[in-house]
C-alpha atoms as a PDB file:
ATOM      1  CA  MET A   1     -37.931 -87.016 -47.210  1.00  0.00           C
ATOM      2  CA  ASP A   2     -37.144 -83.533 -48.592  1.00  0.00           C
ATOM      3  CA  THR A   3     -40.534 -82.314 -47.425  1.00  0.00           C
ATOM      4  CA  ILE A   4     -39.909 -83.626 -43.911  1.00  0.00           C
ATOM      5  CA  MET A   5     -36.440 -82.018 -43.782  1.00  0.00           C
ATOM      6  CA  ASN A   6     -37.819 -78.688 -45.005  1.00  0.00           C
ATOM      7  CA  ARG A   7     -40.471 -78.783 -42.311  1.00  0.00           C
ATOM      8  CA  ARG A   8     -37.796 -79.469 -39.707  1.00  0.00           C
ATOM      9  CA  VAL A   9     -35.725 -76.529 -40.919  1.00  0.00           C
ATOM     10  CA  ILE A  10     -38.747 -74.246 -40.830  1.00  0.00           C
ATOM     11  CA  LEU A  11     -39.747 -75.428 -37.357  1.00  0.00           C
ATOM     12  CA  THR A  12     -36.179 -75.075 -36.065  1.00  0.00           C
ATOM     13  CA  GLY A  13     -35.940 -71.536 -37.438  1.00  0.00           C
ATOM     14  CA  THR A  14     -39.290 -70.657 -35.890  1.00  0.00           C
ATOM     15  CA  VAL A  15     -38.213 -71.961 -32.472  1.00  0.00           C
ATOM     16  CA  LEU A  16     -34.915 -70.103 -32.638  1.00  0.00           C
ATOM     17  CA  ALA A  17     -36.651 -66.882 -33.613  1.00  0.00           C
ATOM     18  CA  ALA A  18     -39.151 -67.268 -30.785  1.00  0.00           C
ATOM     19  CA  THR A  19     -36.374 -68.017 -28.320  1.00  0.00           C
ATOM     20  CA  ALA A  20     -34.447 -64.936 -29.450  1.00  0.00           C
ATOM     21  CA  THR A  21     -37.411 -62.729 -28.587  1.00  0.00           C
ATOM     22  CA  LEU A  22     -37.275 -64.049 -25.025  1.00  0.00           C
ATOM     23  CA  LEU A  23     -33.603 -63.305 -24.491  1.00  0.00           C
ATOM     24  CA  PRO A  24     -32.941 -60.248 -22.300  1.00  0.00           C
ATOM     25  CA  VAL A  25     -31.830 -57.058 -23.966  1.00  0.00           C
ATOM     26  CA  VAL A  26     -28.429 -56.085 -22.602  1.00  0.00           C
ATOM     27  CA  ALA A  27     -27.711 -52.380 -22.512  1.00  0.00           C
ATOM     28  CA  SER A  28     -24.363 -51.198 -23.764  1.00  0.00           C
ATOM     29  CA  ALA A  29     -22.173 -50.322 -20.817  1.00  0.00           C
ATOM     30  CA  GLN A  30     -20.042 -47.231 -20.610  1.00  0.00           C
ATOM     31  CA  THR A  31     -16.836 -46.932 -22.575  1.00  0.00           C
ATOM     32  CA  PRO A  32     -13.997 -48.119 -20.328  1.00  0.00           C
ATOM     33  CA  ALA A  33     -12.063 -45.314 -18.705  1.00  0.00           C
ATOM     34  CA  GLY A  34      -8.827 -44.915 -20.594  1.00  0.00           C
ATOM     35  CA  ASP A  35      -6.643 -41.864 -21.081  1.00  0.00           C
ATOM     36  CA  TRP A  36      -8.382 -40.027 -18.225  1.00  0.00           C
ATOM     37  CA  LEU A  37      -6.988 -42.488 -15.687  1.00  0.00           C
ATOM     38  CA  PRO A  38      -3.721 -41.577 -13.968  1.00  0.00           C
ATOM     39  CA  ASP A  39      -0.483 -43.450 -14.529  1.00  0.00           C
ATOM     40  CA  GLY A  40      -0.240 -46.526 -12.330  1.00  0.00           C
ATOM     41  CA  ALA A  41      -4.014 -47.063 -12.069  1.00  0.00           C
ATOM     42  CA  ASP A  42      -3.789 -50.710 -13.131  1.00  0.00           C
ATOM     43  CA  LYS A  43      -6.492 -52.015 -10.798  1.00  0.00           C
ATOM     44  CA  LEU A  44      -8.817 -49.150 -11.620  1.00  0.00           C
ATOM     45  CA  ARG A  45      -8.309 -49.777 -15.323  1.00  0.00           C
ATOM     46  CA  ASP A  46      -9.025 -53.472 -14.798  1.00  0.00           C
ATOM     47  CA  ILE A  47     -12.340 -52.900 -13.022  1.00  0.00           C
ATOM     48  CA  SER A  48     -13.293 -50.353 -15.663  1.00  0.00           C
ATOM     49  CA  MET A  49     -12.890 -53.061 -18.294  1.00  0.00           C
ATOM     50  CA  ARG A  50     -14.828 -55.578 -16.174  1.00  0.00           C
ATOM     51  CA  LEU A  51     -17.712 -53.164 -15.723  1.00  0.00           C
ATOM     52  CA  ALA A  52     -17.757 -52.364 -19.425  1.00  0.00           C
ATOM     53  CA  ARG A  53     -18.252 -56.082 -20.133  1.00  0.00           C
ATOM     54  CA  ALA A  54     -20.789 -56.748 -17.379  1.00  0.00           C
ATOM     55  CA  PRO A  55     -24.378 -57.026 -18.663  1.00  0.00           C
ATOM     56  CA  ARG A  56     -27.091 -54.537 -17.754  1.00  0.00           C
ATOM     57  CA  ARG A  57     -30.580 -55.870 -18.357  1.00  0.00           C
ATOM     58  CA  ARG A  58     -32.829 -53.117 -19.725  1.00  0.00           C
ATOM     59  CA  ASP A  59     -35.821 -54.906 -21.232  1.00  0.00           C
ATOM     60  CA  PHE A  60     -38.123 -55.066 -18.224  1.00  0.00           C
ATOM     61  CA  ARG A  61     -41.858 -54.996 -18.878  1.00  0.00           C
ATOM     62  CA  THR A  62     -42.695 -54.791 -15.187  1.00  0.00           C
ATOM     63  CA  VAL A  63     -40.758 -54.849 -11.911  1.00  0.00           C
ATOM     64  CA  PRO A  64     -41.812 -55.667  -8.339  1.00  0.00           C
ATOM     65  CA  MET A  65     -41.795 -53.181  -5.494  1.00  0.00           C
ATOM     66  CA  VAL A  66     -39.048 -55.107  -3.653  1.00  0.00           C
ATOM     67  CA  LEU A  67     -36.378 -56.825  -5.722  1.00  0.00           C
ATOM     68  CA  ASP A  68     -35.822 -60.338  -4.385  1.00  0.00           C
ATOM     69  CA  ASP A  69     -33.920 -62.030  -7.212  1.00  0.00           C
ATOM     70  CA  PRO A  70     -30.393 -61.052  -8.365  1.00  0.00           C
ATOM     71  CA  ASN A  71     -31.626 -61.256 -11.958  1.00  0.00           C
ATOM     72  CA  GLN A  72     -33.710 -58.165 -11.218  1.00  0.00           C
ATOM     73  CA  TRP A  73     -30.678 -55.918 -10.705  1.00  0.00           C
ATOM     74  CA  ASP A  74     -27.136 -55.621 -12.131  1.00  0.00           C
ATOM     75  CA  GLN A  75     -25.661 -58.259  -9.853  1.00  0.00           C
ATOM     76  CA  GLU A  76     -22.569 -59.082 -11.918  1.00  0.00           C
ATOM     77  CA  ALA A  77     -21.489 -55.452 -12.157  1.00  0.00           C
ATOM     78  CA  LEU A  78     -22.275 -54.794  -8.491  1.00  0.00           C
ATOM     79  CA  GLN A  79     -20.278 -57.837  -7.421  1.00  0.00           C
ATOM     80  CA  ALA A  80     -17.295 -56.589  -9.430  1.00  0.00           C
ATOM     81  CA  VAL A  81     -17.408 -53.345  -7.439  1.00  0.00           C
ATOM     82  CA  LEU A  82     -17.781 -55.151  -4.111  1.00  0.00           C
ATOM     83  CA  SER A  83     -14.763 -57.347  -4.872  1.00  0.00           C
ATOM     84  CA  TYR A  84     -12.493 -54.479  -5.988  1.00  0.00           C
ATOM     85  CA  GLN A  85      -9.001 -55.014  -4.569  1.00  0.00           C
ATOM     86  CA  GLY A  86      -7.614 -51.531  -5.131  1.00  0.00           C
ATOM     87  CA  SER A  87      -7.519 -48.849  -2.459  1.00  0.00           C
ATOM     88  CA  PRO A  88      -8.640 -46.522  -1.076  1.00  0.00           C
ATOM     89  CA  LYS A  89     -12.358 -47.004  -1.783  1.00  0.00           C
ATOM     90  CA  GLN A  90     -15.054 -44.430  -1.046  1.00  0.00           C
ATOM     91  CA  VAL A  91     -18.844 -44.566  -1.348  1.00  0.00           C
ATOM     92  CA  TRP A  92     -20.881 -41.368  -1.470  1.00  0.00           C
ATOM     93  CA  ASP A  93     -24.470 -41.125  -0.218  1.00  0.00           C
ATOM     94  CA  HIS A  94     -26.073 -38.790  -2.770  1.00  0.00           C
ATOM     95  CA  THR A  95     -29.700 -37.647  -2.602  1.00  0.00           C
ATOM     96  CA  GLU A  96     -30.038 -34.141  -4.120  1.00  0.00           C
ATOM     97  CA  ILE A  97     -29.744 -33.564  -7.863  1.00  0.00           C
ATOM     98  CA  GLY A  98     -29.106 -29.862  -7.283  1.00  0.00           C
ATOM     99  CA  GLY A  99     -26.449 -30.401  -4.619  1.00  0.00           C
ATOM    100  CA  PRO A 100     -22.648 -30.295  -5.032  1.00  0.00           C
ATOM    101  CA  TRP A 101     -22.348 -34.078  -5.354  1.00  0.00           C
ATOM    102  CA  LEU A 102     -20.464 -34.257  -8.660  1.00  0.00           C
ATOM    103  CA  ASN A 103     -18.076 -31.499  -7.618  1.00  0.00           C
ATOM    104  CA  LEU A 104     -17.351 -33.223  -4.297  1.00  0.00           C
ATOM    105  CA  MET A 105     -16.466 -36.485  -6.012  1.00  0.00           C
ATOM    106  CA  ARG A 106     -14.242 -34.666  -8.495  1.00  0.00           C
ATOM    107  CA  ASN A 107     -12.404 -32.892  -5.666  1.00  0.00           C
ATOM    108  CA  SER A 108     -11.991 -36.184  -3.814  1.00  0.00           C
ATOM    109  CA  LEU A 109     -10.560 -37.820  -6.915  1.00  0.00           C
ATOM    110  CA  ASN A 110      -8.091 -35.012  -7.488  1.00  0.00           C
ATOM    111  CA  ALA A 111      -6.821 -35.041  -3.905  1.00  0.00           C
ATOM    112  CA  GLN A 112      -6.539 -38.834  -3.689  1.00  0.00           C
ATOM    113  CA  ILE A 113      -4.770 -39.169  -7.025  1.00  0.00           C
ATOM    114  CA  TRP A 114      -2.412 -36.206  -7.082  1.00  0.00           C
ATOM    115  CA  SER A 115      -2.095 -35.108  -3.459  1.00  0.00           C
ATOM    116  CA  PHE A 116      -1.954 -38.496  -1.725  1.00  0.00           C
ATOM    117  CA  ARG A 117      -0.690 -40.487  -4.714  1.00  0.00           C
ATOM    118  CA  HIS A 118      -3.432 -43.148  -4.804  1.00  0.00           C
ATOM    119  CA  PRO A 119      -3.991 -43.764  -8.540  1.00  0.00           C
ATOM    120  CA  ASP A 120      -6.240 -46.786  -7.903  1.00  0.00           C
ATOM    121  CA  PHE A 121      -8.682 -44.798  -5.767  1.00  0.00           C
ATOM    122  CA  LEU A 122     -12.269 -45.848  -6.574  1.00  0.00           C
ATOM    123  CA  ALA A 123     -15.261 -43.580  -5.915  1.00  0.00           C
ATOM    124  CA  VAL A 124     -18.822 -44.926  -5.987  1.00  0.00           C
ATOM    125  CA  SER A 125     -22.019 -42.896  -5.916  1.00  0.00           C
ATOM    126  CA  ALA A 126     -24.873 -44.577  -4.015  1.00  0.00           C
ATOM    127  CA  THR A 127     -27.482 -42.480  -5.775  1.00  0.00           C
ATOM    128  CA  HIS A 128     -31.077 -42.044  -4.624  1.00  0.00           C
ATOM    129  CA  GLY A 129     -33.607 -39.279  -3.948  1.00  0.00           C
ATOM    130  CA  THR A 130     -33.818 -36.684  -6.703  1.00  0.00           C
ATOM    131  CA  ALA A 131     -30.181 -37.352  -7.607  1.00  0.00           C
ATOM    132  CA  ASN A 132     -31.400 -40.655  -9.048  1.00  0.00           C
ATOM    133  CA  LEU A 133     -33.184 -38.666 -11.790  1.00  0.00           C
ATOM    134  CA  ALA A 134     -29.782 -37.617 -13.144  1.00  0.00           C
ATOM    135  CA  LEU A 135     -29.081 -41.246 -14.043  1.00  0.00           C
ATOM    136  CA  LEU A 136     -31.995 -41.343 -16.511  1.00  0.00           C
ATOM    137  CA  ASP A 137     -31.682 -40.462 -20.194  1.00  0.00           C
ATOM    138  CA  GLN A 138     -33.246 -37.411 -21.815  1.00  0.00           C
ATOM    139  CA  ALA A 139     -35.892 -39.442 -23.658  1.00  0.00           C
ATOM    140  CA  VAL A 140     -37.499 -40.556 -20.418  1.00  0.00           C
ATOM    141  CA  TRP A 141     -37.094 -37.053 -18.930  1.00  0.00           C
ATOM    142  CA  ASP A 142     -39.159 -35.743 -21.831  1.00  0.00           C
ATOM    143  CA  LYS A 143     -41.741 -38.529 -21.668  1.00  0.00           C
ATOM    144  CA  TYR A 144     -42.486 -38.098 -17.955  1.00  0.00           C
ATOM    145  CA  GLN A 145     -41.664 -34.378 -17.599  1.00  0.00           C
ATOM    146  CA  LEU A 146     -39.064 -35.178 -14.959  1.00  0.00           C
ATOM    147  CA  THR A 147     -38.022 -31.541 -14.742  1.00  0.00           C
ATOM    148  CA  ASN A 148     -41.110 -31.127 -12.531  1.00  0.00           C
ATOM    149  CA  LEU A 149     -39.502 -33.471  -9.989  1.00  0.00           C
ATOM    150  CA  ALA A 150     -35.902 -32.322 -10.492  1.00  0.00           C
ATOM    151  CA  GLY A 151     -36.577 -28.605 -10.032  1.00  0.00           C
ATOM    152  CA  GLU A 152     -36.523 -25.510 -12.187  1.00  0.00           C
ATOM    153  CA  ARG A 153     -32.720 -25.560 -12.494  1.00  0.00           C
ATOM    154  CA  PHE A 154     -33.063 -28.667 -14.624  1.00  0.00           C
ATOM    155  CA  ALA A 155     -35.159 -27.971 -17.685  1.00  0.00           C
ATOM    156  CA  SER A 156     -33.288 -30.972 -19.107  1.00  0.00           C
ATOM    157  CA  ASN A 157     -30.811 -33.473 -17.729  1.00  0.00           C
ATOM    158  CA  THR A 158     -27.692 -31.387 -18.180  1.00  0.00           C
ATOM    159  CA  LEU A 159     -25.680 -33.684 -15.897  1.00  0.00           C
ATOM    160  CA  ILE A 160     -25.406 -36.386 -18.572  1.00  0.00           C
ATOM    161  CA  VAL A 161     -24.100 -34.018 -21.250  1.00  0.00           C
ATOM    162  CA  GLU A 162     -20.394 -34.528 -21.809  1.00  0.00           C
ATOM    163  CA  ARG A 163     -18.214 -31.686 -22.998  1.00  0.00           C
ATOM    164  CA  GLN A 164     -15.416 -32.346 -25.427  1.00  0.00           C
ATOM    165  CA  ALA A 165     -11.968 -32.164 -23.897  1.00  0.00           C
ATOM    166  CA  PRO A 166      -8.484 -32.791 -25.219  1.00  0.00           C
ATOM    167  CA  SER A 167      -6.616 -35.842 -23.989  1.00  0.00           C
ATOM    168  CA  PRO A 168      -5.063 -35.084 -20.598  1.00  0.00           C
ATOM    169  CA  GLY A 169      -1.417 -34.042 -20.579  1.00  0.00           C
ATOM    170  CA  ALA A 170       1.267 -34.434 -17.948  1.00  0.00           C
ATOM    171  CA  ARG A 171       0.152 -31.337 -16.043  1.00  0.00           C
ATOM    172  CA  SER A 172      -3.486 -31.131 -17.075  1.00  0.00           C
ATOM    173  CA  HIS A 173      -4.672 -31.665 -13.503  1.00  0.00           C
ATOM    174  CA  GLN A 174      -3.525 -28.071 -12.890  1.00  0.00           C
ATOM    175  CA  ASP A 175      -5.466 -26.681 -15.855  1.00  0.00           C
ATOM    176  CA  PRO A 176      -8.493 -24.673 -14.593  1.00  0.00           C
ATOM    177  CA  GLU A 177     -10.160 -25.225 -17.967  1.00  0.00           C
ATOM    178  CA  GLY A 178      -9.104 -28.848 -18.338  1.00  0.00           C
ATOM    179  CA  PRO A 179     -10.878 -32.187 -17.886  1.00  0.00           C
ATOM    180  CA  PHE A 180     -10.149 -32.381 -14.155  1.00  0.00           C
ATOM    181  CA  SER A 181     -11.609 -28.944 -13.413  1.00  0.00           C
ATOM    182  CA  SER A 182     -15.116 -27.971 -12.331  1.00  0.00           C
ATOM    183  CA  ARG A 183     -15.973 -27.382 -15.987  1.00  0.00           C
ATOM    184  CA  PHE A 184     -16.290 -31.165 -16.247  1.00  0.00           C
ATOM    185  CA  ASN A 185     -18.653 -31.889 -13.368  1.00  0.00           C
ATOM    186  CA  SER A 186     -20.749 -34.318 -15.370  1.00  0.00           C
ATOM    187  CA  ILE A 187     -21.633 -37.973 -15.019  1.00  0.00           C
ATOM    188  CA  PRO A 188     -19.900 -39.057 -18.277  1.00  0.00           C
ATOM    189  CA  ALA A 189     -16.730 -37.116 -17.413  1.00  0.00           C
ATOM    190  CA  LEU A 190     -16.508 -38.748 -13.980  1.00  0.00           C
ATOM    191  CA  GLN A 191     -17.223 -42.174 -15.483  1.00  0.00           C
ATOM    192  CA  ARG A 192     -14.234 -41.641 -17.765  1.00  0.00           C
ATOM    193  CA  ARG A 193     -12.189 -41.201 -14.601  1.00  0.00           C
ATOM    194  CA  GLY A 194     -13.426 -44.515 -13.190  1.00  0.00           C
ATOM    195  CA  VAL A 195     -16.253 -43.250 -10.951  1.00  0.00           C
ATOM    196  CA  VAL A 196     -19.087 -45.766 -10.580  1.00  0.00           C
ATOM    197  CA  PHE A 197     -22.698 -44.577 -10.397  1.00  0.00           C
ATOM    198  CA  THR A 198     -25.262 -46.910  -8.867  1.00  0.00           C
ATOM    199  CA  ALA A 199     -29.003 -46.369  -9.246  1.00  0.00           C
ATOM    200  CA  CYS A 200     -31.623 -47.077  -6.582  1.00  0.00           C
ATOM    201  CA  HIS A 201     -34.572 -49.293  -7.513  1.00  0.00           C
ATOM    202  CA  ASN A 202     -36.557 -47.957  -4.559  1.00  0.00           C
ATOM    203  CA  ALA A 203     -36.137 -44.395  -5.834  1.00  0.00           C
ATOM    204  CA  LEU A 204     -37.243 -45.465  -9.320  1.00  0.00           C
ATOM    205  CA  TRP A 205     -40.341 -47.131  -7.847  1.00  0.00           C
ATOM    206  CA  GLU A 206     -41.180 -44.053  -5.775  1.00  0.00           C
ATOM    207  CA  THR A 207     -40.739 -41.846  -8.839  1.00  0.00           C
ATOM    208  CA  ALA A 208     -43.144 -44.103 -10.720  1.00  0.00           C
ATOM    209  CA  GLU A 209     -45.675 -43.769  -7.886  1.00  0.00           C
ATOM    210  CA  LYS A 210     -45.480 -39.976  -8.084  1.00  0.00           C
ATOM    211  CA  LEU A 211     -45.875 -39.947 -11.864  1.00  0.00           C
ATOM    212  CA  VAL A 212     -48.897 -42.252 -11.830  1.00  0.00           C
ATOM    213  CA  ALA A 213     -50.534 -40.310  -8.989  1.00  0.00           C
ATOM    214  CA  ALA A 214     -49.972 -37.012 -10.827  1.00  0.00           C
ATOM    215  CA  GLY A 215     -51.326 -38.384 -14.106  1.00  0.00           C
ATOM    216  CA  VAL A 216     -47.996 -37.839 -15.880  1.00  0.00           C
ATOM    217  CA  ASN A 217     -48.336 -41.220 -17.496  1.00  0.00           C
ATOM    218  CA  PRO A 218     -48.603 -41.137 -21.320  1.00  0.00           C
ATOM    219  CA  ASP A 219     -49.050 -44.914 -21.574  1.00  0.00           C
ATOM    220  CA  ARG A 220     -51.683 -45.031 -18.810  1.00  0.00           C
ATOM    221  CA  ALA A 221     -49.605 -47.761 -17.210  1.00  0.00           C
ATOM    222  CA  ASP A 222     -49.514 -48.954 -13.617  1.00  0.00           C
ATOM    223  CA  VAL A 223     -46.668 -48.309 -11.181  1.00  0.00           C
ATOM    224  CA  PRO A 224     -44.746 -51.587 -11.836  1.00  0.00           C
ATOM    225  CA  THR A 225     -44.792 -50.867 -15.575  1.00  0.00           C
ATOM    226  CA  VAL A 226     -43.709 -47.226 -15.245  1.00  0.00           C
ATOM    227  CA  ALA A 227     -40.931 -48.268 -12.846  1.00  0.00           C
ATOM    228  CA  ALA A 228     -39.760 -50.794 -15.440  1.00  0.00           C
ATOM    229  CA  ASP A 229     -39.792 -48.113 -18.140  1.00  0.00           C
ATOM    230  CA  LEU A 230     -37.644 -45.837 -15.980  1.00  0.00           C
ATOM    231  CA  THR A 231     -35.239 -48.706 -15.282  1.00  0.00           C
ATOM    232  CA  ASN A 232     -34.867 -49.393 -18.981  1.00  0.00           C
ATOM    233  CA  HIS A 233     -33.728 -45.789 -19.508  1.00  0.00           C
ATOM    234  CA  LEU A 234     -30.809 -45.653 -17.092  1.00  0.00           C
ATOM    235  CA  VAL A 235     -27.830 -44.103 -18.858  1.00  0.00           C
ATOM    236  CA  PRO A 236     -24.975 -46.358 -20.024  1.00  0.00           C
ATOM    237  CA  GLY A 237     -22.627 -47.604 -17.342  1.00  0.00           C
ATOM    238  CA  VAL A 238     -24.983 -47.125 -14.397  1.00  0.00           C
ATOM    239  CA  ILE A 239     -25.371 -50.117 -12.066  1.00  0.00           C
ATOM    240  CA  LEU A 240     -28.906 -50.864 -10.892  1.00  0.00           C
ATOM    241  CA  THR A 241     -29.072 -51.909  -7.215  1.00  0.00           C
ATOM    242  CA  PRO A 242     -32.030 -53.187  -5.146  1.00  0.00           C
ATOM    243  CA  GLY A 243     -31.803 -49.943  -3.177  1.00  0.00           C
ATOM    244  CA  ALA A 244     -29.110 -47.401  -2.373  1.00  0.00           C
ATOM    245  CA  VAL A 245     -29.542 -47.358   1.400  1.00  0.00           C
ATOM    246  CA  GLY A 246     -29.644 -51.151   1.559  1.00  0.00           C
ATOM    247  CA  THR A 247     -26.563 -51.472  -0.665  1.00  0.00           C
ATOM    248  CA  LEU A 248     -24.502 -49.044   1.422  1.00  0.00           C
ATOM    249  CA  PRO A 249     -23.808 -51.611   4.192  1.00  0.00           C
ATOM    250  CA  GLU A 250     -22.651 -54.086   1.547  1.00  0.00           C
ATOM    251  CA  LEU A 251     -20.167 -51.558   0.213  1.00  0.00           C
ATOM    252  CA  GLN A 252     -19.008 -50.578   3.699  1.00  0.00           C
ATOM    253  CA  SER A 253     -18.511 -54.245   4.608  1.00  0.00           C
ATOM    254  CA  ALA A 254     -16.350 -54.535   1.479  1.00  0.00           C
ATOM    255  CA  GLY A 255     -14.086 -51.740   2.748  1.00  0.00           C
ATOM    256  CA  PHE A 256     -15.629 -48.642   1.205  1.00  0.00           C
ATOM    257  CA  GLU A 257     -15.409 -45.518   3.379  1.00  0.00           C
ATOM    258  CA  TYR A 258     -18.708 -43.662   3.756  1.00  0.00           C
ATOM    259  CA  ALA A 259     -18.985 -40.039   2.623  1.00  0.00           C
ATOM    260  CA  LYS A 260     -21.938 -37.698   2.295  1.00  0.00           C
END
């Protein structure tokens, strides 16, 4: 009897271990926006917490060219954005990594919050084109020499480097050196203010095609595998969508105003 029970224990442990290896790896989401949110931003704070809890699958071995199953993108996080009840809501169509996109969103935030008194204002970046490269971590930039696609201004992904800033004070939005100034035009700084960055699967796939065609492919992998590798290296907090252009109508139907 003891022998049989021991065998059962061993078999059960083996099955559990095997099952665990099949479970998806969930990336840690961004830290919820906190002291960088304005007073009265209750709905913005709530969605920040929801997005911090929403899973981001980042263990893909391969991905298809066209995503046709919600399990292939960050559906739970995207749905939280689509159902946001605060206002106003603005979605930006961003394509150029070297453009003024981060500065424009920061200026929009400042005007909506302090000029027009809309603390629950939510800004979303529908990111594609070369701007999509900014949503990838430095490890994958190094691996695939992404500076060659981003341009000579970007020897590294400087847009994901967060500068240290003191906690905002009552009048810090007027401080030209403070966290709401142009000195903090970075993706992490804007995330701390509640900005949502969405990544485009189509842009990731097209990047993979370029890398494979150019031979910048250390693993000698095919396009679906390289695209999966890029997906797995999106920076914390980013929401993967099936495609930026295709997601824009969904956001507009949910009440988001289009900006470019």
